[in-house]
Amino acid sequence: MEALALHHHNIEEVDLMFCWRLNDSCVSNLMRSCCRLRLVNLSFIFALTDITMIVIGECCKLLEHLNIKGCWRVTDRGI
């Protein structure tokens, strides 16, 4: 993930579904460095919280589709 965040700033789609070892810090770093993301699938990454949702809202201004199905730690506040 670190290499992806450091070297691929122009990606527009990322599918991390079922990547259970990821957490807020890891995903947030990717979102901060890939501001051109339009489609993001984070479904069933159980460690994600509202922190990641805040970073996505701040950094991914071109976002068209976000899938967070099964991310049960994300609350209404994060959405």
Protein backbone atom coordinates (compact mmCIF):
# COMPACT_ATOMS: atom_id res chain seq x y z
CA MET A 1 0.00 0.00 0.00
CA GLU A 2 2.83 2.37 0.79
CA ALA A 3 4.40 1.84 -2.64
CA LEU A 4 1.03 2.40 -4.30
CA ALA A 5 0.52 5.64 -2.39
CA LEU A 6 4.03 6.87 -3.14
CA HIS A 7 4.25 6.05 -6.84
CA HIS A 8 0.77 6.00 -8.37
CA HIS A 9 -0.85 9.39 -7.79
CA ASN A 10 -2.99 9.34 -10.93
CA ILE A 11 -5.07 6.23 -10.31
CA GLU A 12 -8.83 6.71 -10.64
CA GLU A 13 -10.13 3.37 -9.34
CA VAL A 14 -9.10 1.20 -6.42
CA ASP A 15 -10.70 -2.03 -5.20
CA LEU A 16 -9.50 -3.12 -1.76
CA MET A 17 -12.48 -5.34 -0.93
CA PHE A 18 -11.77 -7.93 1.79
CA CYS A 19 -8.25 -6.59 2.48
CA TRP A 20 -8.63 -7.32 6.19
CA ARG A 21 -5.11 -6.30 7.18
CA LEU A 22 -5.68 -2.68 6.18
CA ASN A 23 -6.55 -0.01 8.72
CA ASP A 24 -7.43 3.70 8.88
CA SER A 25 -3.84 4.86 8.65
CA CYS A 26 -2.99 2.76 5.61
CA VAL A 27 -6.14 3.61 3.64
CA SER A 28 -6.04 7.28 4.64
CA ASN A 29 -2.47 7.63 3.34
CA LEU A 30 -3.57 6.21 0.01
CA MET A 31 -6.56 8.57 -0.18
CA ARG A 32 -4.37 11.59 0.60
CA SER A 33 -1.94 10.82 -2.20
CA CYS A 34 -4.45 9.72 -4.86
CA CYS A 35 -6.72 12.74 -5.20
CA ARG A 36 -8.01 11.71 -8.65
CA LEU A 37 -9.91 8.69 -7.37
CA ARG A 38 -13.40 8.32 -8.82
CA LEU A 39 -14.27 4.79 -7.68
CA VAL A 40 -13.26 3.33 -4.31
CA ASN A 41 -14.29 -0.09 -3.01
CA LEU A 42 -13.44 -0.57 0.67
CA SER A 43 -16.13 -3.13 1.44
CA PHE A 44 -15.57 -5.60 4.27
CA ILE A 45 -12.46 -3.93 5.68
CA PHE A 46 -13.53 -4.25 9.29
CA ALA A 47 -10.87 -1.97 10.82
CA LEU A 48 -12.02 1.16 8.97
CA THR A 49 -13.72 3.89 10.99
CA ASP A 50 -15.05 7.40 10.56
CA ILE A 51 -11.45 8.65 10.36
CA THR A 52 -11.06 7.18 6.88
CA MET A 53 -14.40 8.64 5.79
CA ILE A 54 -13.30 12.11 6.89
CA VAL A 55 -10.05 11.81 4.91
CA ILE A 56 -11.95 10.61 1.83
CA GLY A 57 -14.31 13.58 2.11
CA GLU A 58 -11.43 16.01 2.38
CA CYS A 59 -9.12 14.55 -0.27
CA CYS A 60 -11.18 12.79 -2.93
CA LYS A 61 -13.14 15.64 -4.50
CA LEU A 62 -13.72 13.73 -7.77
CA LEU A 63 -15.20 10.66 -6.06
CA GLU A 64 -18.29 9.27 -7.79
CA HIS A 65 -18.70 5.87 -6.13
CA LEU A 66 -17.72 4.67 -2.66
CA ASN A 67 -18.52 1.15 -1.43
CA ILE A 68 -18.16 0.63 2.32
CA LYS A 69 -20.51 -2.33 2.67
CA GLY A 70 -19.60 -4.40 5.72
CA CYS A 71 -17.47 -1.66 7.31
CA TRP A 72 -19.44 -1.87 10.53
CA ARG A 73 -17.22 0.58 12.47
CA VAL A 74 -18.18 3.43 10.14
CA THR A 75 -21.05 5.33 11.79
CA ASP A 76 -23.66 7.73 10.47
CA ARG A 77 -21.32 10.55 11.48
CA GLY A 78 -18.62 9.24 9.12
CA ILE A 79 -21.06 8.93 6.25
